[in-house]
Amino acid sequence: DLWSSFKEYASKSGVEVGKILEELIKDSLIEAELDKTLAKIEERYEIDFNPVEPIGGPISTLVRTMKDERADRVFRR
Protein backbone atom coordinates (compact mmCIF):
# COMPACT_ATOMS: atom_id res chain seq x y z
CA ASP A 1 0.00 0.00 0.00
CA LEU A 2 0.96 3.67 -0.21
CA TRP A 3 2.13 4.06 3.38
CA SER A 4 4.40 0.99 3.17
CA SER A 5 5.91 2.23 -0.08
CA PHE A 6 6.50 5.64 1.46
CA LYS A 7 8.22 4.16 4.55
CA GLU A 8 10.38 1.97 2.31
CA TYR A 9 11.35 5.01 0.22
CA ALA A 10 12.28 6.95 3.37
CA SER A 11 14.33 4.04 4.66
CA LYS A 12 16.23 3.66 1.38
CA SER A 13 16.84 7.41 1.31
CA GLY A 14 18.18 7.35 4.86
CA VAL A 15 15.73 10.01 5.98
CA GLU A 16 13.14 9.84 8.74
CA VAL A 17 9.53 9.60 7.58
CA GLY A 18 8.65 12.60 9.76
CA LYS A 19 11.30 14.77 8.11
CA ILE A 20 10.06 13.92 4.62
CA LEU A 21 6.46 14.64 5.64
CA GLU A 22 7.55 17.94 7.20
CA GLU A 23 9.28 18.98 3.97
CA LEU A 24 6.26 17.98 1.89
CA ILE A 25 3.95 20.02 4.13
CA LYS A 26 6.29 23.05 3.98
CA ASP A 27 6.50 22.81 0.20
CA SER A 28 2.73 22.52 -0.05
CA LEU A 29 2.18 25.60 2.14
CA ILE A 30 4.71 27.64 0.19
CA GLU A 31 3.11 26.61 -3.09
CA ALA A 32 -0.35 27.56 -1.79
CA GLU A 33 0.90 31.02 -0.75
CA LEU A 34 2.59 31.54 -4.11
CA ASP A 35 -0.61 30.56 -5.90
CA LYS A 36 -2.58 33.10 -3.84
CA THR A 37 -0.04 35.85 -4.49
CA LEU A 38 0.11 35.14 -8.22
CA ALA A 39 -3.69 35.11 -8.42
CA LYS A 40 -3.79 38.58 -6.82
CA ILE A 41 -1.17 39.90 -9.23
CA GLU A 42 -2.98 38.34 -12.17
CA GLU A 43 -6.19 40.19 -11.29
CA ARG A 44 -4.42 43.56 -11.52
CA TYR A 45 -2.18 42.84 -14.49
CA GLU A 46 -3.41 43.62 -17.96
CA ILE A 47 -1.58 43.40 -21.26
CA ASP A 48 -2.46 46.20 -23.61
CA PHE A 49 -1.24 45.99 -27.19
CA ASN A 50 -2.31 46.71 -30.71
CA PRO A 51 -2.07 43.76 -33.08
CA VAL A 52 0.41 44.05 -35.93
CA GLU A 53 -1.05 43.94 -39.41
CA PRO A 54 1.77 43.43 -41.92
CA ILE A 55 1.50 45.08 -45.30
CA GLY A 56 2.02 42.25 -47.75
CA GLY A 57 4.19 39.19 -47.23
CA PRO A 58 3.93 36.37 -44.73
CA ILE A 59 4.08 36.91 -40.98
CA SER A 60 7.26 34.81 -40.77
CA THR A 61 9.11 37.41 -42.85
CA LEU A 62 7.98 40.15 -40.49
CA VAL A 63 9.02 38.13 -37.43
CA ARG A 64 12.44 37.34 -38.93
CA THR A 65 13.01 41.04 -39.71
CA MET A 66 12.05 42.03 -36.18
CA LYS A 67 14.40 39.39 -34.69
CA ASP A 68 17.26 40.51 -36.93
CA GLU A 69 16.74 44.15 -35.96
CA ARG A 70 16.73 43.22 -32.28
CA ALA A 71 19.87 41.11 -32.68
CA ASP A 72 21.63 44.01 -34.40
CA ARG A 73 20.76 46.33 -31.49
CA VAL A 74 21.89 43.80 -28.88
CA PHE A 75 25.23 43.05 -30.53
CA ARG A 76 26.06 46.72 -31.14
CA ARG A 77 26.21 47.39 -27.39
PDB file of N, CA and C in Angstrom:
ATOM      1  N   ASP A   1       0.824  -1.196   0.000  1.00  0.00           N
ATOM      2  CA  ASP A   1       0.000   0.000   0.000  1.00  0.00           C
ATOM      3  C   ASP A   1       0.868   1.259   0.000  1.00  0.00           C
ATOM      4  N   LEU A   2       0.248   2.390  -0.077  1.00  0.00           N
ATOM      5  CA  LEU A   2       0.958   3.666  -0.214  1.00  0.00           C
ATOM      6  C   LEU A   2       1.869   3.954   0.972  1.00  0.00           C
ATOM      7  N   TRP A   3       1.353   3.741   2.188  1.00  0.00           N
ATOM      8  CA  TRP A   3       2.133   4.056   3.383  1.00  0.00           C
ATOM      9  C   TRP A   3       3.386   3.176   3.458  1.00  0.00           C
ATOM     10  N   SER A   4       3.249   1.901   3.148  1.00  0.00           N
ATOM     11  CA  SER A   4       4.399   0.988   3.168  1.00  0.00           C
ATOM     12  C   SER A   4       5.441   1.407   2.142  1.00  0.00           C
ATOM     13  N   SER A   5       4.989   1.774   0.970  1.00  0.00           N
ATOM     14  CA  SER A   5       5.913   2.227  -0.079  1.00  0.00           C
ATOM     15  C   SER A   5       6.638   3.491   0.353  1.00  0.00           C
ATOM     16  N   PHE A   6       5.905   4.386   1.004  1.00  0.00           N
ATOM     17  CA  PHE A   6       6.504   5.642   1.463  1.00  0.00           C
ATOM     18  C   PHE A   6       7.566   5.374   2.533  1.00  0.00           C
ATOM     19  N   LYS A   7       7.254   4.493   3.498  1.00  0.00           N
ATOM     20  CA  LYS A   7       8.219   4.162   4.550  1.00  0.00           C
ATOM     21  C   LYS A   7       9.456   3.496   3.950  1.00  0.00           C
ATOM     22  N   GLU A   8       9.253   2.639   2.970  1.00  0.00           N
ATOM     23  CA  GLU A   8      10.378   1.973   2.312  1.00  0.00           C
ATOM     24  C   GLU A   8      11.254   2.993   1.589  1.00  0.00           C
ATOM     25  N   TYR A   9      10.614   3.947   0.906  1.00  0.00           N
ATOM     26  CA  TYR A   9      11.351   5.014   0.219  1.00  0.00           C
ATOM     27  C   TYR A   9      12.183   5.818   1.218  1.00  0.00           C
ATOM     28  N   ALA A  10      11.575   6.182   2.347  1.00  0.00           N
ATOM     29  CA  ALA A  10      12.281   6.955   3.370  1.00  0.00           C
ATOM     30  C   ALA A  10      13.470   6.167   3.903  1.00  0.00           C
ATOM     31  N   SER A  11      13.263   4.896   4.145  1.00  0.00           N
ATOM     32  CA  SER A  11      14.326   4.041   4.663  1.00  0.00           C
ATOM     33  C   SER A  11      15.492   3.953   3.682  1.00  0.00           C
ATOM     34  N   LYS A  12      15.183   3.740   2.405  1.00  0.00           N
ATOM     35  CA  LYS A  12      16.233   3.658   1.384  1.00  0.00           C
ATOM     36  C   LYS A  12      16.963   4.984   1.221  1.00  0.00           C
ATOM     37  N   SER A  13      16.240   6.083   1.444  1.00  0.00           N
ATOM     38  CA  SER A  13      16.837   7.412   1.307  1.00  0.00           C
ATOM     39  C   SER A  13      17.639   7.798   2.544  1.00  0.00           C
ATOM     40  N   GLY A  14      17.465   7.049   3.627  1.00  0.00           N
ATOM     41  CA  GLY A  14      18.180   7.345   4.859  1.00  0.00           C
ATOM     42  C   GLY A  14      17.638   8.575   5.574  1.00  0.00           C
ATOM     43  N   VAL A  15      16.361   8.848   5.374  1.00  0.00           N
ATOM     44  CA  VAL A  15      15.732  10.015   5.984  1.00  0.00           C
ATOM     45  C   VAL A  15      14.521   9.542   6.778  1.00  0.00           C
ATOM     46  N   GLU A  16      14.294  10.193   7.924  1.00  0.00           N
ATOM     47  CA  GLU A  16      13.136   9.836   8.737  1.00  0.00           C
ATOM     48  C   GLU A  16      11.845  10.197   8.009  1.00  0.00           C
ATOM     49  N   VAL A  17      10.835   9.367   8.203  1.00  0.00           N
ATOM     50  CA  VAL A  17       9.532   9.601   7.582  1.00  0.00           C
ATOM     51  C   VAL A  17       8.998  10.969   7.986  1.00  0.00           C
ATOM     52  N   GLY A  18       9.137  11.311   9.260  1.00  0.00           N
ATOM     53  CA  GLY A  18       8.645  12.596   9.761  1.00  0.00           C
ATOM     54  C   GLY A  18       9.291  13.779   9.061  1.00  0.00           C
ATOM     55  N   LYS A  19      10.590  13.676   8.794  1.00  0.00           N
ATOM     56  CA  LYS A  19      11.302  14.773   8.114  1.00  0.00           C
ATOM     57  C   LYS A  19      10.791  14.949   6.687  1.00  0.00           C
ATOM     58  N   ILE A  20      10.575  13.836   5.996  1.00  0.00           N
ATOM     59  CA  ILE A  20      10.065  13.920   4.624  1.00  0.00           C
ATOM     60  C   ILE A  20       8.667  14.532   4.625  1.00  0.00           C
ATOM     61  N   LEU A  21       7.814  14.081   5.558  1.00  0.00           N
ATOM     62  CA  LEU A  21       6.463  14.641   5.642  1.00  0.00           C
ATOM     63  C   LEU A  21       6.502  16.135   5.958  1.00  0.00           C
ATOM     64  N   GLU A  22       7.409  16.522   6.854  1.00  0.00           N
ATOM     65  CA  GLU A  22       7.553  17.939   7.202  1.00  0.00           C
ATOM     66  C   GLU A  22       7.930  18.763   5.972  1.00  0.00           C
ATOM     67  N   GLU A  23       8.877  18.268   5.187  1.00  0.00           N
ATOM     68  CA  GLU A  23       9.283  18.979   3.968  1.00  0.00           C
ATOM     69  C   GLU A  23       8.136  19.068   2.965  1.00  0.00           C
ATOM     70  N   LEU A  24       7.393  17.980   2.813  1.00  0.00           N
ATOM     71  CA  LEU A  24       6.256  17.985   1.892  1.00  0.00           C
ATOM     72  C   LEU A  24       5.200  19.000   2.320  1.00  0.00           C
ATOM     73  N   ILE A  25       4.935  19.064   3.623  1.00  0.00           N
ATOM     74  CA  ILE A  25       3.951  20.022   4.131  1.00  0.00           C
ATOM     75  C   ILE A  25       4.440  21.445   3.905  1.00  0.00           C
ATOM     76  N   LYS A  26       5.723  21.703   4.206  1.00  0.00           N
ATOM     77  CA  LYS A  26       6.286  23.046   3.981  1.00  0.00           C
ATOM     78  C   LYS A  26       6.176  23.444   2.518  1.00  0.00           C
ATOM     79  N   ASP A  27       6.573  22.527   1.635  1.00  0.00           N
ATOM     80  CA  ASP A  27       6.501  22.809   0.197  1.00  0.00           C
ATOM     81  C   ASP A  27       5.070  23.102  -0.243  1.00  0.00           C
ATOM     82  N   SER A  28       4.138  22.334   0.301  1.00  0.00           N
ATOM     83  CA  SER A  28       2.735  22.524  -0.055  1.00  0.00           C
ATOM     84  C   SER A  28       2.226  23.885   0.410  1.00  0.00           C
ATOM     85  N   LEU A  29       2.597  24.290   1.622  1.00  0.00           N
ATOM     86  CA  LEU A  29       2.176  25.595   2.143  1.00  0.00           C
ATOM     87  C   LEU A  29       2.783  26.738   1.336  1.00  0.00           C
ATOM     88  N   ILE A  30       4.049  26.607   0.997  1.00  0.00           N
ATOM     89  CA  ILE A  30       4.713  27.639   0.192  1.00  0.00           C
ATOM     90  C   ILE A  30       4.041  27.744  -1.169  1.00  0.00           C
ATOM     91  N   GLU A  31       3.758  26.606  -1.783  1.00  0.00           N
ATOM     92  CA  GLU A  31       3.111  26.608  -3.093  1.00  0.00           C
ATOM     93  C   GLU A  31       1.723  27.252  -3.026  1.00  0.00           C
ATOM     94  N   ALA A  32       0.985  26.969  -1.953  1.00  0.00           N
ATOM     95  CA  ALA A  32      -0.351  27.559  -1.794  1.00  0.00           C
ATOM     96  C   ALA A  32      -0.259  29.078  -1.666  1.00  0.00           C
ATOM     97  N   GLU A  33       0.721  29.571  -0.908  1.00  0.00           N
ATOM     98  CA  GLU A  33       0.899  31.019  -0.750  1.00  0.00           C
ATOM     99  C   GLU A  33       1.307  31.671  -2.068  1.00  0.00           C
ATOM    100  N   LEU A  34       2.192  31.014  -2.801  1.00  0.00           N
ATOM    101  CA  LEU A  34       2.594  31.542  -4.106  1.00  0.00           C
ATOM    102  C   LEU A  34       1.409  31.607  -5.056  1.00  0.00           C
ATOM    103  N   ASP A  35       0.584  30.571  -5.049  1.00  0.00           N
ATOM    104  CA  ASP A  35      -0.610  30.564  -5.901  1.00  0.00           C
ATOM    105  C   ASP A  35      -1.529  31.727  -5.562  1.00  0.00           C
ATOM    106  N   LYS A  36      -1.722  31.984  -4.255  1.00  0.00           N
ATOM    107  CA  LYS A  36      -2.580  33.105  -3.836  1.00  0.00           C
ATOM    108  C   LYS A  36      -2.001  34.435  -4.299  1.00  0.00           C
ATOM    109  N   THR A  37      -0.696  34.605  -4.108  1.00  0.00           N
ATOM    110  CA  THR A  37      -0.038  35.851  -4.493  1.00  0.00           C
ATOM    111  C   THR A  37      -0.115  36.064  -5.994  1.00  0.00           C
ATOM    112  N   LEU A  38       0.167  35.026  -6.761  1.00  0.00           N
ATOM    113  CA  LEU A  38       0.110  35.144  -8.217  1.00  0.00           C
ATOM    114  C   LEU A  38      -1.307  35.424  -8.700  1.00  0.00           C
ATOM    115  N   ALA A  39      -2.296  34.850  -8.034  1.00  0.00           N
ATOM    116  CA  ALA A  39      -3.688  35.109  -8.415  1.00  0.00           C
ATOM    117  C   ALA A  39      -4.038  36.577  -8.190  1.00  0.00           C
ATOM    118  N   LYS A  40      -3.535  37.160  -7.094  1.00  0.00           N
ATOM    119  CA  LYS A  40      -3.792  38.581  -6.818  1.00  0.00           C
ATOM    120  C   LYS A  40      -3.126  39.462  -7.872  1.00  0.00           C
ATOM    121  N   ILE A  41      -1.893  39.128  -8.215  1.00  0.00           N
ATOM    122  CA  ILE A  41      -1.165  39.901  -9.226  1.00  0.00           C
ATOM    123  C   ILE A  41      -1.871  39.786 -10.567  1.00  0.00           C
ATOM    124  N   GLU A  42      -2.322  38.587 -10.889  1.00  0.00           N
ATOM    125  CA  GLU A  42      -2.978  38.340 -12.173  1.00  0.00           C
ATOM    126  C   GLU A  42      -4.243  39.178 -12.327  1.00  0.00           C
ATOM    127  N   GLU A  43      -4.962  39.386 -11.234  1.00  0.00           N
ATOM    128  CA  GLU A  43      -6.187  40.189 -11.286  1.00  0.00           C
ATOM    129  C   GLU A  43      -5.899  41.631 -11.685  1.00  0.00           C
ATOM    130  N   ARG A  44      -4.746  42.156 -11.268  1.00  0.00           N
ATOM    131  CA  ARG A  44      -4.419  43.556 -11.518  1.00  0.00           C
ATOM    132  C   ARG A  44      -3.627  43.765 -12.802  1.00  0.00           C
ATOM    133  N   TYR A  45      -3.073  42.713 -13.341  1.00  0.00           N
ATOM    134  CA  TYR A  45      -2.181  42.838 -14.488  1.00  0.00           C
ATOM    135  C   TYR A  45      -2.962  42.720 -15.787  1.00  0.00           C
ATOM    136  N   GLU A  46      -2.706  43.634 -16.679  1.00  0.00           N
ATOM    137  CA  GLU A  46      -3.407  43.618 -17.959  1.00  0.00           C
ATOM    138  C   GLU A  46      -2.418  43.935 -19.074  1.00  0.00           C
ATOM    139  N   ILE A  47      -2.448  43.153 -20.111  1.00  0.00           N
ATOM    140  CA  ILE A  47      -1.582  43.399 -21.261  1.00  0.00           C
ATOM    141  C   ILE A  47      -2.371  44.213 -22.270  1.00  0.00           C
ATOM    142  N   ASP A  48      -1.796  45.336 -22.654  1.00  0.00           N
ATOM    143  CA  ASP A  48      -2.459  46.204 -23.614  1.00  0.00           C
ATOM    144  C   ASP A  48      -1.558  46.326 -24.839  1.00  0.00           C
ATOM    145  N   PHE A  49      -2.030  45.889 -25.972  1.00  0.00           N
ATOM    146  CA  PHE A  49      -1.235  45.989 -27.189  1.00  0.00           C
ATOM    147  C   PHE A  49      -2.151  46.112 -28.392  1.00  0.00           C
ATOM    148  N   ASN A  50      -1.591  46.631 -29.441  1.00  0.00           N
ATOM    149  CA  ASN A  50      -2.309  46.711 -30.709  1.00  0.00           C
ATOM    150  C   ASN A  50      -1.738  45.646 -31.632  1.00  0.00           C
ATOM    151  N   PRO A  51      -2.578  44.808 -32.202  1.00  0.00           N
ATOM    152  CA  PRO A  51      -2.066  43.761 -33.084  1.00  0.00           C
ATOM    153  C   PRO A  51      -1.360  44.344 -34.312  1.00  0.00           C
ATOM    154  N   VAL A  52      -0.349  43.631 -34.756  1.00  0.00           N
ATOM    155  CA  VAL A  52       0.413  44.050 -35.929  1.00  0.00           C
ATOM    156  C   VAL A  52      -0.275  43.504 -37.173  1.00  0.00           C
ATOM    157  N   GLU A  53      -0.481  44.370 -38.133  1.00  0.00           N
ATOM    158  CA  GLU A  53      -1.046  43.939 -39.408  1.00  0.00           C
ATOM    159  C   GLU A  53      -0.016  44.236 -40.496  1.00  0.00           C
ATOM    160  N   PRO A  54       0.728  43.208 -40.920  1.00  0.00           N
ATOM    161  CA  PRO A  54       1.772  43.431 -41.918  1.00  0.00           C
ATOM    162  C   PRO A  54       1.184  43.818 -43.273  1.00  0.00           C
ATOM    163  N   ILE A  55       1.916  44.667 -43.957  1.00  0.00           N
ATOM    164  CA  ILE A  55       1.498  45.079 -45.298  1.00  0.00           C
ATOM    165  C   ILE A  55       2.190  44.150 -46.285  1.00  0.00           C
ATOM    166  N   GLY A  56       1.469  43.198 -46.780  1.00  0.00           N
ATOM    167  CA  GLY A  56       2.019  42.254 -47.751  1.00  0.00           C
ATOM    168  C   GLY A  56       3.032  41.317 -47.128  1.00  0.00           C
ATOM    169  N   GLY A  57       3.199  40.157 -47.692  1.00  0.00           N
ATOM    170  CA  GLY A  57       4.189  39.188 -47.229  1.00  0.00           C
ATOM    171  C   GLY A  57       3.699  38.384 -46.041  1.00  0.00           C
ATOM    172  N   PRO A  58       4.325  37.231 -45.842  1.00  0.00           N
ATOM    173  CA  PRO A  58       3.928  36.367 -44.734  1.00  0.00           C
ATOM    174  C   PRO A  58       4.403  36.908 -43.382  1.00  0.00           C
ATOM    175  N   ILE A  59       3.733  36.499 -42.338  1.00  0.00           N
ATOM    176  CA  ILE A  59       4.082  36.913 -40.980  1.00  0.00           C
ATOM    177  C   ILE A  59       5.502  36.476 -40.638  1.00  0.00           C
ATOM    178  N   SER A  60       5.920  35.304 -41.098  1.00  0.00           N
ATOM    179  CA  SER A  60       7.257  34.809 -40.767  1.00  0.00           C
ATOM    180  C   SER A  60       8.344  35.771 -41.231  1.00  0.00           C
ATOM    181  N   THR A  61       8.140  36.425 -42.361  1.00  0.00           N
ATOM    182  CA  THR A  61       9.112  37.406 -42.853  1.00  0.00           C
ATOM    183  C   THR A  61       9.178  38.591 -41.898  1.00  0.00           C
ATOM    184  N   LEU A  62       8.030  39.045 -41.438  1.00  0.00           N
ATOM    185  CA  LEU A  62       7.984  40.149 -40.485  1.00  0.00           C
ATOM    186  C   LEU A  62       8.688  39.774 -39.183  1.00  0.00           C
ATOM    187  N   VAL A  63       8.401  38.580 -38.676  1.00  0.00           N
ATOM    188  CA  VAL A  63       9.016  38.133 -37.426  1.00  0.00           C
ATOM    189  C   VAL A  63      10.525  38.023 -37.590  1.00  0.00           C
ATOM    190  N   ARG A  64      10.998  37.469 -38.682  1.00  0.00           N
ATOM    191  CA  ARG A  64      12.436  37.338 -38.932  1.00  0.00           C
ATOM    192  C   ARG A  64      13.095  38.709 -38.967  1.00  0.00           C
ATOM    193  N   THR A  65      12.471  39.675 -39.635  1.00  0.00           N
ATOM    194  CA  THR A  65      13.009  41.036 -39.714  1.00  0.00           C
ATOM    195  C   THR A  65      13.099  41.651 -38.324  1.00  0.00           C
ATOM    196  N   MET A  66      12.048  41.475 -37.535  1.00  0.00           N
ATOM    197  CA  MET A  66      12.054  42.029 -36.180  1.00  0.00           C
ATOM    198  C   MET A  66      13.151  41.390 -35.331  1.00  0.00           C
ATOM    199  N   LYS A  67      13.337  40.075 -35.440  1.00  0.00           N
ATOM    200  CA  LYS A  67      14.395  39.390 -34.689  1.00  0.00           C
ATOM    201  C   LYS A  67      15.770  39.880 -35.118  1.00  0.00           C
ATOM    202  N   ASP A  68      15.971  40.031 -36.422  1.00  0.00           N
ATOM    203  CA  ASP A  68      17.256  40.506 -36.930  1.00  0.00           C
ATOM    204  C   ASP A  68      17.558  41.913 -36.432  1.00  0.00           C
ATOM    205  N   GLU A  69      16.548  42.786 -36.450  1.00  0.00           N
ATOM    206  CA  GLU A  69      16.742  44.151 -35.961  1.00  0.00           C
ATOM    207  C   GLU A  69      17.103  44.146 -34.482  1.00  0.00           C
ATOM    208  N   ARG A  70      16.438  43.305 -33.715  1.00  0.00           N
ATOM    209  CA  ARG A  70      16.732  43.223 -32.282  1.00  0.00           C
ATOM    210  C   ARG A  70      18.148  42.696 -32.070  1.00  0.00           C
ATOM    211  N   ALA A  71      18.530  41.675 -32.812  1.00  0.00           N
ATOM    212  CA  ALA A  71      19.873  41.110 -32.681  1.00  0.00           C
ATOM    213  C   ALA A  71      20.924  42.157 -33.010  1.00  0.00           C
ATOM    214  N   ASP A  72      20.684  42.955 -34.041  1.00  0.00           N
ATOM    215  CA  ASP A  72      21.629  44.013 -34.400  1.00  0.00           C
ATOM    216  C   ASP A  72      21.798  44.998 -33.253  1.00  0.00           C
ATOM    217  N   ARG A  73      20.689  45.378 -32.605  1.00  0.00           N
ATOM    218  CA  ARG A  73      20.760  46.329 -31.487  1.00  0.00           C
ATOM    219  C   ARG A  73      21.502  45.726 -30.305  1.00  0.00           C
ATOM    220  N   VAL A  74      21.266  44.454 -30.024  1.00  0.00           N
ATOM    221  CA  VAL A  74      21.893  43.801 -28.878  1.00  0.00           C
ATOM    222  C   VAL A  74      23.394  43.677 -29.086  1.00  0.00           C
ATOM    223  N   PHE A  75      23.813  43.271 -30.282  1.00  0.00           N
ATOM    224  CA  PHE A  75      25.233  43.047 -30.526  1.00  0.00           C
ATOM    225  C   PHE A  75      26.021  44.336 -30.721  1.00  0.00           C
ATOM    226  N   ARG A  76      25.354  45.437 -30.990  1.00  0.00           N
ATOM    227  CA  ARG A  76      26.059  46.718 -31.136  1.00  0.00           C
ATOM    228  C   ARG A  76      26.504  47.274 -29.795  1.00  0.00           C
ATOM    229  N   ARG A  77      25.906  46.840 -28.727  1.00  0.00           N
ATOM    230  CA  ARG A  77      26.214  47.389 -27.390  1.00  0.00           C
ATOM    231  C   ARG A  77      27.547  47.013 -26.924  1.00  0.00           C
TER     232      ARG A  77
END
